[in-house]
Amino acid sequence: MSLLDEDLKADILKLPGDAFKNPKDADGQRKALCKKVDAVIRQFEAGAYKGAIKKLENEVKHKIEKWIKVTHRTDLLTKIDQIISILETL
């Protein structure tokens, strides 16, 4: 699971500034998303799978939908859904 989270984080870090709805806020929003992904990784490592799922669904996905343009968020949301599917089997 960590591998998928790290892939998600890497994808977020690679987003260009113009992928964000407000490019001047891109750096801060990118960092905030990465911190949320790090929190999911910590929850996973602690065995708090339901908490990790909730954070992905309620925080990470929400911020991606709010901050990132549609053309750049589809792959991120798909990856999050894959991570959630894996967590649900644990």
N, C-alpha and C. Protein backbone atom coordinates (compact mmCIF):
# COMPACT_ATOMS: atom_id res chain seq x y z
N MET A 1 0.83 -1.19 0.00
CA MET A 1 0.00 0.00 0.00
C MET A 1 0.87 1.25 0.00
N SER A 2 1.93 1.25 0.74
CA SER A 2 2.81 2.41 0.79
C SER A 2 3.29 2.82 -0.59
N LEU A 3 3.52 1.82 -1.43
CA LEU A 3 3.99 2.12 -2.78
C LEU A 3 2.97 2.98 -3.53
N LEU A 4 1.69 2.63 -3.41
CA LEU A 4 0.66 3.42 -4.08
C LEU A 4 0.61 4.83 -3.51
N ASP A 5 0.73 4.94 -2.18
CA ASP A 5 0.72 6.27 -1.56
C ASP A 5 1.91 7.09 -2.03
N GLU A 6 3.07 6.46 -2.10
CA GLU A 6 4.25 7.17 -2.56
C GLU A 6 4.09 7.59 -4.02
N ASP A 7 3.46 6.72 -4.83
CA ASP A 7 3.18 7.08 -6.21
C ASP A 7 2.24 8.28 -6.27
N LEU A 8 1.22 8.26 -5.42
CA LEU A 8 0.27 9.37 -5.36
C LEU A 8 0.99 10.66 -4.99
N LYS A 9 1.84 10.58 -3.99
CA LYS A 9 2.60 11.76 -3.56
C LYS A 9 3.51 12.26 -4.69
N ALA A 10 4.17 11.35 -5.37
CA ALA A 10 5.04 11.73 -6.48
C ALA A 10 4.24 12.41 -7.59
N ASP A 11 3.05 11.89 -7.87
CA ASP A 11 2.20 12.50 -8.89
C ASP A 11 1.77 13.91 -8.49
N ILE A 12 1.49 14.10 -7.23
CA ILE A 12 1.11 15.43 -6.73
C ILE A 12 2.30 16.39 -6.87
N LEU A 13 3.47 15.92 -6.50
CA LEU A 13 4.66 16.77 -6.58
C LEU A 13 5.00 17.17 -8.02
N LYS A 14 4.64 16.32 -8.98
CA LYS A 14 4.93 16.59 -10.39
C LYS A 14 3.94 17.54 -11.04
N LEU A 15 2.84 17.83 -10.38
CA LEU A 15 1.83 18.69 -11.00
C LEU A 15 2.41 20.08 -11.30
N PRO A 16 2.22 20.55 -12.52
CA PRO A 16 2.68 21.91 -12.83
C PRO A 16 1.77 22.94 -12.16
N GLY A 17 2.27 24.12 -12.00
CA GLY A 17 1.49 25.18 -11.37
C GLY A 17 0.16 25.43 -12.05
N ASP A 18 0.14 25.29 -13.37
CA ASP A 18 -1.10 25.56 -14.09
C ASP A 18 -2.12 24.43 -13.99
N ALA A 19 -1.78 23.34 -13.28
CA ALA A 19 -2.74 22.28 -13.01
C ALA A 19 -3.71 22.69 -11.90
N PHE A 20 -3.31 23.70 -11.15
CA PHE A 20 -4.12 24.18 -10.04
C PHE A 20 -5.05 25.29 -10.51
N LYS A 21 -6.22 25.33 -9.94
CA LYS A 21 -7.20 26.36 -10.31
C LYS A 21 -6.66 27.75 -10.03
N ASN A 22 -5.87 27.87 -8.98
CA ASN A 22 -5.24 29.14 -8.64
C ASN A 22 -3.73 28.92 -8.60
N PRO A 23 -3.05 29.08 -9.75
CA PRO A 23 -1.63 28.76 -9.84
C PRO A 23 -0.73 29.44 -8.81
N LYS A 24 -1.08 30.63 -8.36
CA LYS A 24 -0.23 31.31 -7.37
C LYS A 24 -0.25 30.59 -6.02
N ASP A 25 -1.26 29.77 -5.78
CA ASP A 25 -1.34 29.00 -4.54
C ASP A 25 -0.85 27.56 -4.70
N ALA A 26 -0.35 27.23 -5.88
CA ALA A 26 0.02 25.85 -6.20
C ALA A 26 1.03 25.26 -5.22
N ASP A 27 2.08 26.00 -4.89
CA ASP A 27 3.11 25.45 -3.99
C ASP A 27 2.54 25.07 -2.63
N GLY A 28 1.77 25.96 -2.06
CA GLY A 28 1.17 25.69 -0.74
C GLY A 28 0.17 24.56 -0.78
N GLN A 29 -0.64 24.52 -1.83
CA GLN A 29 -1.64 23.46 -1.94
C GLN A 29 -0.98 22.12 -2.22
N ARG A 30 0.07 22.12 -3.01
CA ARG A 30 0.82 20.89 -3.29
C ARG A 30 1.40 20.33 -1.98
N LYS A 31 1.99 21.21 -1.17
CA LYS A 31 2.56 20.78 0.12
C LYS A 31 1.47 20.26 1.05
N ALA A 32 0.33 20.93 1.08
CA ALA A 32 -0.78 20.50 1.94
C ALA A 32 -1.28 19.11 1.54
N LEU A 33 -1.39 18.88 0.25
CA LEU A 33 -1.82 17.56 -0.22
C LEU A 33 -0.81 16.48 0.17
N CYS A 34 0.46 16.78 0.03
CA CYS A 34 1.50 15.81 0.39
C CYS A 34 1.48 15.50 1.89
N LYS A 35 1.22 16.51 2.70
CA LYS A 35 1.11 16.28 4.15
C LYS A 35 -0.06 15.37 4.46
N LYS A 36 -1.16 15.55 3.75
CA LYS A 36 -2.32 14.68 3.96
C LYS A 36 -2.01 13.24 3.54
N VAL A 37 -1.29 13.08 2.44
CA VAL A 37 -0.89 11.74 2.01
C VAL A 37 0.05 11.12 3.05
N ASP A 38 0.98 11.91 3.59
CA ASP A 38 1.87 11.42 4.65
C ASP A 38 1.06 10.95 5.86
N ALA A 39 0.00 11.68 6.19
CA ALA A 39 -0.85 11.30 7.33
C ALA A 39 -1.56 9.98 7.04
N VAL A 40 -1.96 9.78 5.80
CA VAL A 40 -2.59 8.50 5.41
C VAL A 40 -1.58 7.37 5.58
N ILE A 41 -0.35 7.60 5.16
CA ILE A 41 0.69 6.57 5.29
C ILE A 41 0.90 6.22 6.75
N ARG A 42 0.95 7.22 7.62
CA ARG A 42 1.12 6.96 9.06
C ARG A 42 -0.05 6.16 9.62
N GLN A 43 -1.27 6.49 9.18
CA GLN A 43 -2.44 5.75 9.64
C GLN A 43 -2.36 4.30 9.17
N PHE A 44 -1.98 4.11 7.93
CA PHE A 44 -1.83 2.75 7.41
C PHE A 44 -0.80 1.97 8.22
N GLU A 45 0.34 2.57 8.46
CA GLU A 45 1.40 1.90 9.21
C GLU A 45 0.98 1.57 10.63
N ALA A 46 0.05 2.35 11.19
CA ALA A 46 -0.45 2.11 12.54
C ALA A 46 -1.62 1.12 12.54
N GLY A 47 -2.03 0.68 11.37
CA GLY A 47 -3.15 -0.26 11.27
C GLY A 47 -4.52 0.40 11.33
N ALA A 48 -4.56 1.71 11.21
CA ALA A 48 -5.82 2.46 11.25
C ALA A 48 -6.37 2.59 9.84
N TYR A 49 -6.79 1.47 9.27
CA TYR A 49 -7.20 1.44 7.87
C TYR A 49 -8.46 2.27 7.62
N LYS A 50 -9.44 2.17 8.52
CA LYS A 50 -10.67 2.95 8.34
C LYS A 50 -10.37 4.45 8.40
N GLY A 51 -9.49 4.85 9.29
CA GLY A 51 -9.11 6.26 9.37
C GLY A 51 -8.40 6.72 8.11
N ALA A 52 -7.56 5.85 7.56
CA ALA A 52 -6.86 6.18 6.32
C ALA A 52 -7.85 6.35 5.17
N ILE A 53 -8.84 5.45 5.11
CA ILE A 53 -9.87 5.55 4.07
C ILE A 53 -10.64 6.86 4.21
N LYS A 54 -11.03 7.18 5.44
CA LYS A 54 -11.78 8.42 5.67
C LYS A 54 -10.97 9.65 5.27
N LYS A 55 -9.70 9.66 5.61
CA LYS A 55 -8.85 10.80 5.25
C LYS A 55 -8.73 10.92 3.73
N LEU A 56 -8.57 9.80 3.06
CA LEU A 56 -8.48 9.83 1.60
C LEU A 56 -9.78 10.34 0.98
N GLU A 57 -10.91 9.81 1.48
CA GLU A 57 -12.20 10.19 0.91
C GLU A 57 -12.61 11.62 1.25
N ASN A 58 -12.44 11.99 2.51
CA ASN A 58 -12.99 13.26 2.99
C ASN A 58 -12.04 14.44 2.90
N GLU A 59 -10.76 14.17 2.89
CA GLU A 59 -9.79 15.27 2.86
C GLU A 59 -9.01 15.32 1.55
N VAL A 60 -8.34 14.25 1.22
CA VAL A 60 -7.47 14.28 0.04
C VAL A 60 -8.30 14.46 -1.24
N LYS A 61 -9.32 13.63 -1.41
CA LYS A 61 -10.15 13.76 -2.61
C LYS A 61 -10.82 15.13 -2.66
N HIS A 62 -11.33 15.57 -1.54
CA HIS A 62 -12.01 16.87 -1.48
C HIS A 62 -11.09 18.00 -1.93
N LYS A 63 -9.87 18.02 -1.41
CA LYS A 63 -8.92 19.08 -1.77
C LYS A 63 -8.51 18.99 -3.23
N ILE A 64 -8.33 17.79 -3.73
CA ILE A 64 -7.98 17.62 -5.14
C ILE A 64 -9.10 18.18 -6.02
N GLU A 65 -10.34 17.84 -5.68
CA GLU A 65 -11.48 18.35 -6.45
C GLU A 65 -11.60 19.87 -6.34
N LYS A 66 -11.27 20.40 -5.19
CA LYS A 66 -11.39 21.84 -4.95
C LYS A 66 -10.26 22.63 -5.62
N TRP A 67 -9.04 22.12 -5.57
CA TRP A 67 -7.86 22.88 -5.97
C TRP A 67 -7.35 22.60 -7.38
N ILE A 68 -7.57 21.40 -7.88
CA ILE A 68 -6.92 20.99 -9.12
C ILE A 68 -7.92 20.95 -10.28
N LYS A 69 -7.48 21.43 -11.41
CA LYS A 69 -8.33 21.45 -12.60
C LYS A 69 -8.71 20.03 -13.00
N VAL A 70 -9.89 19.91 -13.59
CA VAL A 70 -10.44 18.61 -13.99
C VAL A 70 -9.46 17.82 -14.85
N THR A 71 -8.81 18.48 -15.77
CA THR A 71 -7.91 17.78 -16.70
C THR A 71 -6.72 17.13 -16.01
N HIS A 72 -6.39 17.57 -14.81
CA HIS A 72 -5.24 17.02 -14.09
C HIS A 72 -5.62 16.15 -12.90
N ARG A 73 -6.86 16.15 -12.52
CA ARG A 73 -7.23 15.43 -11.30
C ARG A 73 -7.75 14.02 -11.52
N THR A 74 -8.15 13.67 -12.74
CA THR A 74 -8.75 12.36 -12.99
C THR A 74 -7.83 11.22 -12.58
N ASP A 75 -6.57 11.26 -13.00
CA ASP A 75 -5.64 10.19 -12.66
C ASP A 75 -5.40 10.11 -11.15
N LEU A 76 -5.32 11.27 -10.49
CA LEU A 76 -5.12 11.28 -9.04
C LEU A 76 -6.31 10.63 -8.32
N LEU A 77 -7.52 10.97 -8.75
CA LEU A 77 -8.71 10.41 -8.11
C LEU A 77 -8.81 8.92 -8.36
N THR A 78 -8.42 8.47 -9.55
CA THR A 78 -8.41 7.04 -9.86
C THR A 78 -7.42 6.31 -8.94
N LYS A 79 -6.26 6.89 -8.76
CA LYS A 79 -5.25 6.28 -7.90
C LYS A 79 -5.75 6.21 -6.45
N ILE A 80 -6.42 7.25 -5.99
CA ILE A 80 -6.98 7.24 -4.63
C ILE A 80 -8.01 6.14 -4.50
N ASP A 81 -8.86 5.99 -5.50
CA ASP A 81 -9.87 4.92 -5.45
C ASP A 81 -9.20 3.55 -5.40
N GLN A 82 -8.09 3.37 -6.09
CA GLN A 82 -7.36 2.10 -6.04
C GLN A 82 -6.81 1.86 -4.64
N ILE A 83 -6.27 2.89 -4.02
CA ILE A 83 -5.73 2.77 -2.67
C ILE A 83 -6.85 2.41 -1.70
N ILE A 84 -7.98 3.08 -1.84
CA ILE A 84 -9.13 2.79 -0.97
C ILE A 84 -9.57 1.34 -1.14
N SER A 85 -9.62 0.86 -2.36
CA SER A 85 -10.01 -0.54 -2.61
C SER A 85 -9.07 -1.51 -1.91
N ILE A 86 -7.79 -1.22 -1.94
CA ILE A 86 -6.82 -2.08 -1.25
C ILE A 86 -7.05 -2.02 0.26
N LEU A 87 -7.23 -0.82 0.79
CA LEU A 87 -7.43 -0.67 2.24
C LEU A 87 -8.70 -1.39 2.70
N GLU A 88 -9.71 -1.40 1.88
CA GLU A 88 -10.97 -2.04 2.26
C GLU A 88 -10.84 -3.55 2.38
N THR A 89 -9.81 -4.12 1.77
CA THR A 89 -9.61 -5.57 1.84
C THR A 89 -8.78 -5.98 3.07
N LEU A 90 -8.23 -5.02 3.77
CA LEU A 90 -7.36 -5.31 4.92
C LEU A 90 -8.15 -5.45 6.20
